[in-house]
Amino acid sequence: MILCRFDEGRLGLVEGAFVRDVTSALDVLPAYRYPLPSHDVLIANLDRVIEAIPAQSPRLPMAGVKLLSPVANPGKIIAAPVNYQK
């Protein structure tokens, strides 16, 4: 199972050359108030979201969607400075 984020923050399930729009499964995510969590809520509740994926959902061609970063709100970003000697 390959999950993806696409277009305007929609959740998809990649199936070959198609993406099934399973955004409705996000309804199981808890609502948060301030202070907001410092982690990605989808990743923290991934088991619940996977269980809520509908059996039937619209299929869209992969070529017609814009893929986004897989993690919407990373807790931290780690990078290796490759050009520090320059």
PDB file of N, CA and C in Angstrom:
ATOM      1  N   MET A   1       0.841  -1.171   0.000  1.00  0.00           N
ATOM      2  CA  MET A   1       0.000   0.000   0.000  1.00  0.00           C
ATOM      3  C   MET A   1       0.890   1.239   0.000  1.00  0.00           C
ATOM      4  N   ILE A   2       0.676   2.109  -0.977  1.00  0.00           N
ATOM      5  CA  ILE A   2       1.446   3.344  -1.082  1.00  0.00           C
ATOM      6  C   ILE A   2       0.482   4.518  -0.965  1.00  0.00           C
ATOM      7  N   LEU A   3       0.649   5.291   0.112  1.00  0.00           N
ATOM      8  CA  LEU A   3      -0.151   6.492   0.307  1.00  0.00           C
ATOM      9  C   LEU A   3       0.597   7.686  -0.268  1.00  0.00           C
ATOM     10  N   CYS A   4      -0.153   8.673  -0.730  1.00  0.00           N
ATOM     11  CA  CYS A   4       0.466   9.894  -1.228  1.00  0.00           C
ATOM     12  C   CYS A   4      -0.423  11.080  -0.876  1.00  0.00           C
ATOM     13  N   ARG A   5       0.185  12.249  -0.872  1.00  0.00           N
ATOM     14  CA  ARG A   5      -0.572  13.495  -0.782  1.00  0.00           C
ATOM     15  C   ARG A   5      -0.538  14.110  -2.166  1.00  0.00           C
ATOM     16  N   PHE A   6      -1.668  14.671  -2.605  1.00  0.00           N
ATOM     17  CA  PHE A   6      -1.692  15.256  -3.939  1.00  0.00           C
ATOM     18  C   PHE A   6      -2.634  16.449  -3.987  1.00  0.00           C
ATOM     19  N   ASP A   7      -2.479  17.225  -5.053  1.00  0.00           N
ATOM     20  CA  ASP A   7      -3.274  18.426  -5.304  1.00  0.00           C
ATOM     21  C   ASP A   7      -3.310  19.334  -4.072  1.00  0.00           C
ATOM     22  N   GLU A   8      -4.445  19.691  -3.579  1.00  0.00           N
ATOM     23  CA  GLU A   8      -4.540  20.628  -2.452  1.00  0.00           C
ATOM     24  C   GLU A   8      -4.640  19.881  -1.122  1.00  0.00           C
ATOM     25  N   GLY A   9      -3.660  19.044  -0.819  1.00  0.00           N
ATOM     26  CA  GLY A   9      -3.636  18.334   0.455  1.00  0.00           C
ATOM     27  C   GLY A   9      -4.561  17.138   0.522  1.00  0.00           C
ATOM     28  N   ARG A  10      -4.882  16.553  -0.616  1.00  0.00           N
ATOM     29  CA  ARG A  10      -5.748  15.378  -0.635  1.00  0.00           C
ATOM     30  C   ARG A  10      -4.907  14.119  -0.367  1.00  0.00           C
ATOM     31  N   LEU A  11      -5.548  13.084   0.131  1.00  0.00           N
ATOM     32  CA  LEU A  11      -4.873  11.823   0.419  1.00  0.00           C
ATOM     33  C   LEU A  11      -5.209  10.822  -0.663  1.00  0.00           C
ATOM     34  N   GLY A  12      -4.184  10.151  -1.175  1.00  0.00           N
ATOM     35  CA  GLY A  12      -4.394   9.197  -2.247  1.00  0.00           C
ATOM     36  C   GLY A  12      -3.753   7.855  -1.958  1.00  0.00           C
ATOM     37  N   LEU A  13      -4.237   6.854  -2.647  1.00  0.00           N
ATOM     38  CA  LEU A  13      -3.701   5.507  -2.587  1.00  0.00           C
ATOM     39  C   LEU A  13      -3.210   5.181  -3.993  1.00  0.00           C
ATOM     40  N   VAL A  14      -1.901   4.991  -4.151  1.00  0.00           N
ATOM     41  CA  VAL A  14      -1.309   4.760  -5.473  1.00  0.00           C
ATOM     42  C   VAL A  14      -1.558   3.316  -5.895  1.00  0.00           C
ATOM     43  N   GLU A  15      -2.123   3.176  -7.099  1.00  0.00           N
ATOM     44  CA  GLU A  15      -2.369   1.853  -7.687  1.00  0.00           C
ATOM     45  C   GLU A  15      -1.901   1.888  -9.135  1.00  0.00           C
ATOM     46  N   GLY A  16      -0.633   1.572  -9.345  1.00  0.00           N
ATOM     47  CA  GLY A  16      -0.072   1.590 -10.694  1.00  0.00           C
ATOM     48  C   GLY A  16      -0.031   3.000 -11.250  1.00  0.00           C
ATOM     49  N   ALA A  17      -0.707   3.221 -12.377  1.00  0.00           N
ATOM     50  CA  ALA A  17      -0.721   4.534 -13.026  1.00  0.00           C
ATOM     51  C   ALA A  17      -1.886   5.394 -12.548  1.00  0.00           C
ATOM     52  N   PHE A  18      -2.545   4.973 -11.471  1.00  0.00           N
ATOM     53  CA  PHE A  18      -3.704   5.701 -10.963  1.00  0.00           C
ATOM     54  C   PHE A  18      -3.529   6.037  -9.482  1.00  0.00           C
ATOM     55  N   VAL A  19      -4.281   7.045  -9.050  1.00  0.00           N
ATOM     56  CA  VAL A  19      -4.346   7.418  -7.636  1.00  0.00           C
ATOM     57  C   VAL A  19      -5.809   7.375  -7.229  1.00  0.00           C
ATOM     58  N   ARG A  20      -6.124   6.582  -6.213  1.00  0.00           N
ATOM     59  CA  ARG A  20      -7.475   6.573  -5.666  1.00  0.00           C
ATOM     60  C   ARG A  20      -7.578   7.680  -4.630  1.00  0.00           C
ATOM     61  N   ASP A  21      -8.564   8.535  -4.740  1.00  0.00           N
ATOM     62  CA  ASP A  21      -8.772   9.632  -3.799  1.00  0.00           C
ATOM     63  C   ASP A  21      -9.474   9.076  -2.555  1.00  0.00           C
ATOM     64  N   VAL A  22      -8.715   8.930  -1.464  1.00  0.00           N
ATOM     65  CA  VAL A  22      -9.251   8.386  -0.220  1.00  0.00           C
ATOM     66  C   VAL A  22      -9.244   9.450   0.883  1.00  0.00           C
ATOM     67  N   THR A  23      -9.412  10.709   0.493  1.00  0.00           N
ATOM     68  CA  THR A  23      -9.382  11.823   1.435  1.00  0.00           C
ATOM     69  C   THR A  23     -10.423  11.672   2.535  1.00  0.00           C
ATOM     70  N   SER A  24     -11.535  11.019   2.247  1.00  0.00           N
ATOM     71  CA  SER A  24     -12.585  10.857   3.257  1.00  0.00           C
ATOM     72  C   SER A  24     -12.098  10.076   4.475  1.00  0.00           C
ATOM     73  N   ALA A  25     -11.040   9.280   4.330  1.00  0.00           N
ATOM     74  CA  ALA A  25     -10.493   8.526   5.470  1.00  0.00           C
ATOM     75  C   ALA A  25      -9.885   9.457   6.512  1.00  0.00           C
ATOM     76  N   LEU A  26      -9.584  10.706   6.138  1.00  0.00           N
ATOM     77  CA  LEU A  26      -9.004  11.656   7.088  1.00  0.00           C
ATOM     78  C   LEU A  26     -10.010  12.128   8.123  1.00  0.00           C
ATOM     79  N   ASP A  27     -11.277  11.803   7.930  1.00  0.00           N
ATOM     80  CA  ASP A  27     -12.306  12.208   8.901  1.00  0.00           C
ATOM     81  C   ASP A  27     -12.094  11.580  10.273  1.00  0.00           C
ATOM     82  N   VAL A  28     -11.308  10.513  10.367  1.00  0.00           N
ATOM     83  CA  VAL A  28     -11.063   9.870  11.666  1.00  0.00           C
ATOM     84  C   VAL A  28      -9.987  10.585  12.482  1.00  0.00           C
ATOM     85  N   LEU A  29      -9.302  11.557  11.869  1.00  0.00           N
ATOM     86  CA  LEU A  29      -8.249  12.279  12.598  1.00  0.00           C
ATOM     87  C   LEU A  29      -8.867  13.153  13.680  1.00  0.00           C
ATOM     88  N   PRO A  30      -8.232  13.203  14.843  1.00  0.00           N
ATOM     89  CA  PRO A  30      -8.760  14.047  15.909  1.00  0.00           C
ATOM     90  C   PRO A  30      -8.577  15.532  15.586  1.00  0.00           C
ATOM     91  N   ALA A  31      -9.493  16.329  16.101  1.00  0.00           N
ATOM     92  CA  ALA A  31      -9.381  17.785  15.933  1.00  0.00           C
ATOM     93  C   ALA A  31      -8.472  18.314  17.036  1.00  0.00           C
ATOM     94  N   TYR A  32      -7.594  19.231  16.699  1.00  0.00           N
ATOM     95  CA  TYR A  32      -6.660  19.791  17.673  1.00  0.00           C
ATOM     96  C   TYR A  32      -6.921  21.271  17.866  1.00  0.00           C
ATOM     97  N   ARG A  33      -6.651  21.732  19.056  1.00  0.00           N
ATOM     98  CA  ARG A  33      -6.691  23.153  19.378  1.00  0.00           C
ATOM     99  C   ARG A  33      -5.302  23.554  19.833  1.00  0.00           C
ATOM    100  N   TYR A  34      -5.112  24.823  20.017  1.00  0.00           N
ATOM    101  CA  TYR A  34      -3.824  25.339  20.465  1.00  0.00           C
ATOM    102  C   TYR A  34      -3.508  24.794  21.851  1.00  0.00           C
ATOM    103  N   PRO A  35      -2.309  24.380  22.143  1.00  0.00           N
ATOM    104  CA  PRO A  35      -1.140  24.347  21.273  1.00  0.00           C
ATOM    105  C   PRO A  35      -1.206  23.155  20.321  1.00  0.00           C
ATOM    106  N   LEU A  36      -0.811  23.390  19.107  1.00  0.00           N
ATOM    107  CA  LEU A  36      -0.840  22.355  18.084  1.00  0.00           C
ATOM    108  C   LEU A  36       0.285  21.357  18.316  1.00  0.00           C
ATOM    109  N   PRO A  37       0.077  20.094  17.938  1.00  0.00           N
ATOM    110  CA  PRO A  37       1.138  19.099  18.113  1.00  0.00           C
ATOM    111  C   PRO A  37       2.330  19.402  17.215  1.00  0.00           C
ATOM    112  N   SER A  38       3.495  18.960  17.642  1.00  0.00           N
ATOM    113  CA  SER A  38       4.717  19.203  16.858  1.00  0.00           C
ATOM    114  C   SER A  38       5.029  18.033  15.927  1.00  0.00           C
ATOM    115  N   HIS A  39       4.045  17.211  15.656  1.00  0.00           N
ATOM    116  CA  HIS A  39       4.247  16.053  14.783  1.00  0.00           C
ATOM    117  C   HIS A  39       3.172  16.048  13.697  1.00  0.00           C
ATOM    118  N   ASP A  40       3.321  15.163  12.740  1.00  0.00           N
ATOM    119  CA  ASP A  40       2.336  15.017  11.680  1.00  0.00           C
ATOM    120  C   ASP A  40       1.196  14.152  12.207  1.00  0.00           C
ATOM    121  N   VAL A  41       0.000  14.712  12.246  1.00  0.00           N
ATOM    122  CA  VAL A  41      -1.167  14.033  12.807  1.00  0.00           C
ATOM    123  C   VAL A  41      -1.527  12.789  11.997  1.00  0.00           C
ATOM    124  N   LEU A  42      -1.357  12.845  10.681  1.00  0.00           N
ATOM    125  CA  LEU A  42      -1.645  11.683   9.838  1.00  0.00           C
ATOM    126  C   LEU A  42      -0.739  10.516  10.200  1.00  0.00           C
ATOM    127  N   ILE A  43       0.547  10.769  10.337  1.00  0.00           N
ATOM    128  CA  ILE A  43       1.495   9.700  10.662  1.00  0.00           C
ATOM    129  C   ILE A  43       1.191   9.128  12.046  1.00  0.00           C
ATOM    130  N   ALA A  44       0.858   9.986  13.007  1.00  0.00           N
ATOM    131  CA  ALA A  44       0.569   9.528  14.367  1.00  0.00           C
ATOM    132  C   ALA A  44      -0.685   8.659  14.427  1.00  0.00           C
ATOM    133  N   ASN A  45      -1.617   8.840  13.497  1.00  0.00           N
ATOM    134  CA  ASN A  45      -2.878   8.086  13.489  1.00  0.00           C
ATOM    135  C   ASN A  45      -3.017   7.220  12.246  1.00  0.00           C
ATOM    136  N   LEU A  46      -1.905   6.796  11.684  1.00  0.00           N
ATOM    137  CA  LEU A  46      -1.915   6.087  10.404  1.00  0.00           C
ATOM    138  C   LEU A  46      -2.761   4.812  10.437  1.00  0.00           C
ATOM    139  N   ASP A  47      -2.705   4.045  11.510  1.00  0.00           N
ATOM    140  CA  ASP A  47      -3.491   2.806  11.581  1.00  0.00           C
ATOM    141  C   ASP A  47      -4.988   3.094  11.469  1.00  0.00           C
ATOM    142  N   ARG A  48      -5.456   4.119  12.158  1.00  0.00           N
ATOM    143  CA  ARG A  48      -6.877   4.477  12.117  1.00  0.00           C
ATOM    144  C   ARG A  48      -7.278   4.949  10.723  1.00  0.00           C
ATOM    145  N   VAL A  49      -6.416   5.713  10.068  1.00  0.00           N
ATOM    146  CA  VAL A  49      -6.718   6.218   8.725  1.00  0.00           C
ATOM    147  C   VAL A  49      -6.789   5.059   7.734  1.00  0.00           C
ATOM    148  N   ILE A  50      -5.857   4.127   7.809  1.00  0.00           N
ATOM    149  CA  ILE A  50      -5.853   2.984   6.886  1.00  0.00           C
ATOM    150  C   ILE A  50      -7.118   2.155   7.054  1.00  0.00           C
ATOM    151  N   GLU A  51      -7.563   1.965   8.296  1.00  0.00           N
ATOM    152  CA  GLU A  51      -8.804   1.211   8.539  1.00  0.00           C
ATOM    153  C   GLU A  51     -10.023   1.918   7.953  1.00  0.00           C
ATOM    154  N   ALA A  52      -9.976   3.242   7.836  1.00  0.00           N
ATOM    155  CA  ALA A  52     -11.116   4.023   7.357  1.00  0.00           C
ATOM    156  C   ALA A  52     -11.121   4.236   5.849  1.00  0.00           C
ATOM    157  N   ILE A  53     -10.143   3.693   5.135  1.00  0.00           N
ATOM    158  CA  ILE A  53     -10.110   3.865   3.676  1.00  0.00           C
ATOM    159  C   ILE A  53     -11.314   3.156   3.067  1.00  0.00           C
ATOM    160  N   PRO A  54     -12.111   3.894   2.286  1.00  0.00           N
ATOM    161  CA  PRO A  54     -13.298   3.273   1.687  1.00  0.00           C
ATOM    162  C   PRO A  54     -12.932   2.250   0.619  1.00  0.00           C
ATOM    163  N   ALA A  55     -13.795   1.249   0.461  1.00  0.00           N
ATOM    164  CA  ALA A  55     -13.552   0.201  -0.535  1.00  0.00           C
ATOM    165  C   ALA A  55     -13.621   0.760  -1.954  1.00  0.00           C
ATOM    166  N   GLN A  56     -14.520   1.678  -2.186  1.00  0.00           N
ATOM    167  CA  GLN A  56     -14.675   2.302  -3.500  1.00  0.00           C
ATOM    168  C   GLN A  56     -14.399   3.791  -3.377  1.00  0.00           C
ATOM    169  N   SER A  57     -13.590   4.308  -4.271  1.00  0.00           N
ATOM    170  CA  SER A  57     -13.283   5.731  -4.305  1.00  0.00           C
ATOM    171  C   SER A  57     -12.850   6.090  -5.714  1.00  0.00           C
ATOM    172  N   PRO A  58     -12.954   7.384  -6.069  1.00  0.00           N
ATOM    173  CA  PRO A  58     -12.607   7.795  -7.440  1.00  0.00           C
ATOM    174  C   PRO A  58     -11.149   7.500  -7.781  1.00  0.00           C
ATOM    175  N   ARG A  59     -10.923   7.019  -8.999  1.00  0.00           N
ATOM    176  CA  ARG A  59      -9.564   6.781  -9.504  1.00  0.00           C
ATOM    177  C   ARG A  59      -9.199   7.893 -10.467  1.00  0.00           C
ATOM    178  N   LEU A  60      -8.035   8.473 -10.249  1.00  0.00           N
ATOM    179  CA  LEU A  60      -7.541   9.557 -11.101  1.00  0.00           C
ATOM    180  C   LEU A  60      -6.240   9.110 -11.751  1.00  0.00           C
ATOM    181  N   PRO A  61      -5.992   9.495 -13.005  1.00  0.00           N
ATOM    182  CA  PRO A  61      -4.716   9.142 -13.634  1.00  0.00           C
ATOM    183  C   PRO A  61      -3.567   9.876 -12.941  1.00  0.00           C
ATOM    184  N   MET A  62      -2.482   9.183 -12.677  1.00  0.00           N
ATOM    185  CA  MET A  62      -1.314   9.760 -11.998  1.00  0.00           C
ATOM    186  C   MET A  62      -0.810  11.002 -12.732  1.00  0.00           C
ATOM    187  N   ALA A  63      -0.892  10.991 -14.063  1.00  0.00           N
ATOM    188  CA  ALA A  63      -0.401  12.127 -14.851  1.00  0.00           C
ATOM    189  C   ALA A  63      -1.226  13.385 -14.618  1.00  0.00           C
ATOM    190  N   GLY A  64      -2.430  13.250 -14.090  1.00  0.00           N
ATOM    191  CA  GLY A  64      -3.305  14.396 -13.907  1.00  0.00           C
ATOM    192  C   GLY A  64      -3.286  14.995 -12.516  1.00  0.00           C
ATOM    193  N   VAL A  65      -2.443  14.484 -11.616  1.00  0.00           N
ATOM    194  CA  VAL A  65      -2.392  15.015 -10.254  1.00  0.00           C
ATOM    195  C   VAL A  65      -1.008  15.584  -9.960  1.00  0.00           C
ATOM    196  N   LYS A  66      -0.952  16.506  -9.015  1.00  0.00           N
ATOM    197  CA  LYS A  66       0.320  17.078  -8.580  1.00  0.00           C
ATOM    198  C   LYS A  66       0.675  16.460  -7.234  1.00  0.00           C
ATOM    199  N   LEU A  67       1.727  15.658  -7.209  1.00  0.00           N
ATOM    200  CA  LEU A  67       2.147  15.012  -5.970  1.00  0.00           C
ATOM    201  C   LEU A  67       2.805  16.030  -5.044  1.00  0.00           C
ATOM    202  N   LEU A  68       2.540  15.900  -3.742  1.00  0.00           N
ATOM    203  CA  LEU A  68       3.095  16.781  -2.725  1.00  0.00           C
ATOM    204  C   LEU A  68       4.039  15.998  -1.823  1.00  0.00           C
ATOM    205  N   SER A  69       4.694  16.692  -0.916  1.00  0.00           N
ATOM    206  CA  SER A  69       5.574  16.046   0.051  1.00  0.00           C
ATOM    207  C   SER A  69       4.778  15.007   0.837  1.00  0.00           C
ATOM    208  N   PRO A  70       5.335  13.816   1.076  1.00  0.00           N
ATOM    209  CA  PRO A  70       4.580  12.778   1.777  1.00  0.00           C
ATOM    210  C   PRO A  70       4.251  13.138   3.225  1.00  0.00           C
ATOM    211  N   VAL A  71       5.065  13.949   3.868  1.00  0.00           N
ATOM    212  CA  VAL A  71       4.806  14.353   5.256  1.00  0.00           C
ATOM    213  C   VAL A  71       4.461  15.841   5.238  1.00  0.00           C
ATOM    214  N   ALA A  72       3.250  16.169   5.665  1.00  0.00           N
ATOM    215  CA  ALA A  72       2.775  17.551   5.588  1.00  0.00           C
ATOM    216  C   ALA A  72       3.478  18.464   6.590  1.00  0.00           C
ATOM    217  N   ASN A  73       3.679  17.985   7.811  1.00  0.00           N
ATOM    218  CA  ASN A  73       4.257  18.811   8.871  1.00  0.00           C
ATOM    219  C   ASN A  73       5.379  18.052   9.575  1.00  0.00           C
ATOM    220  N   PRO A  74       6.559  18.014   8.964  1.00  0.00           N
ATOM    221  CA  PRO A  74       7.651  17.265   9.602  1.00  0.00           C
ATOM    222  C   PRO A  74       8.062  17.906  10.920  1.00  0.00           C
ATOM    223  N   GLY A  75       8.403  17.069  11.895  1.00  0.00           N
ATOM    224  CA  GLY A  75       8.847  17.563  13.190  1.00  0.00           C
ATOM    225  C   GLY A  75      10.190  18.252  13.105  1.00  0.00           C
ATOM    226  N   LYS A  76      11.045  17.763  12.246  1.00  0.00           N
ATOM    227  CA  LYS A  76      12.345  18.397  12.009  1.00  0.00           C
ATOM    228  C   LYS A  76      12.832  18.013  10.623  1.00  0.00           C
ATOM    229  N   ILE A  77      13.705  18.841  10.104  1.00  0.00           N
ATOM    230  CA  ILE A  77      14.296  18.581   8.785  1.00  0.00           C
ATOM    231  C   ILE A  77      15.793  18.447   8.983  1.00  0.00           C
ATOM    232  N   ILE A  78      16.344  17.345   8.509  1.00  0.00           N
ATOM    233  CA  ILE A  78      17.766  17.085   8.647  1.00  0.00           C
ATOM    234  C   ILE A  78      18.388  17.086   7.257  1.00  0.00           C
ATOM    235  N   ALA A  79      19.476  17.823   7.112  1.00  0.00           N
ATOM    236  CA  ALA A  79      20.147  17.895   5.815  1.00  0.00           C
ATOM    237  C   ALA A  79      21.662  17.829   6.031  1.00  0.00           C
ATOM    238  N   ALA A  80      22.352  17.316   5.064  1.00  0.00           N
ATOM    239  CA  ALA A  80      23.812  17.254   5.117  1.00  0.00           C
ATOM    240  C   ALA A  80      24.381  18.335   4.196  1.00  0.00           C
ATOM    241  N   PRO A  81      25.184  19.253   4.730  1.00  0.00           N
ATOM    242  CA  PRO A  81      25.757  20.298   3.875  1.00  0.00           C
ATOM    243  C   PRO A  81      26.844  19.716   2.985  1.00  0.00           C
ATOM    244  N   VAL A  82      26.534  19.585   1.724  1.00  0.00           N
ATOM    245  CA  VAL A  82      27.463  18.962   0.784  1.00  0.00           C
ATOM    246  C   VAL A  82      28.495  19.968   0.279  1.00  0.00           C
ATOM    247  N   ASN A  83      28.140  21.222   0.171  1.00  0.00           N
ATOM    248  CA  ASN A  83      29.036  22.196  -0.429  1.00  0.00           C
ATOM    249  C   ASN A  83      29.687  23.108   0.620  1.00  0.00           C
ATOM    250  N   TYR A  84      29.873  22.665   1.816  1.00  0.00           N
ATOM    251  CA  TYR A  84      30.417  23.541   2.871  1.00  0.00           C
ATOM    252  C   TYR A  84      31.867  23.930   2.619  1.00  0.00           C
ATOM    253  N   GLN A  85      32.617  23.163   1.846  1.00  0.00           N
ATOM    254  CA  GLN A  85      34.008  23.519   1.580  1.00  0.00           C
ATOM    255  C   GLN A  85      34.114  24.677   0.591  1.00  0.00           C
ATOM    256  N   LYS A  86      33.112  24.881  -0.234  1.00  0.00           N
ATOM    257  CA  LYS A  86      33.133  25.969  -1.214  1.00  0.00           C
ATOM    258  C   LYS A  86      32.893  27.259  -0.493  1.00  0.00           C
TER     259      LYS A  86
END
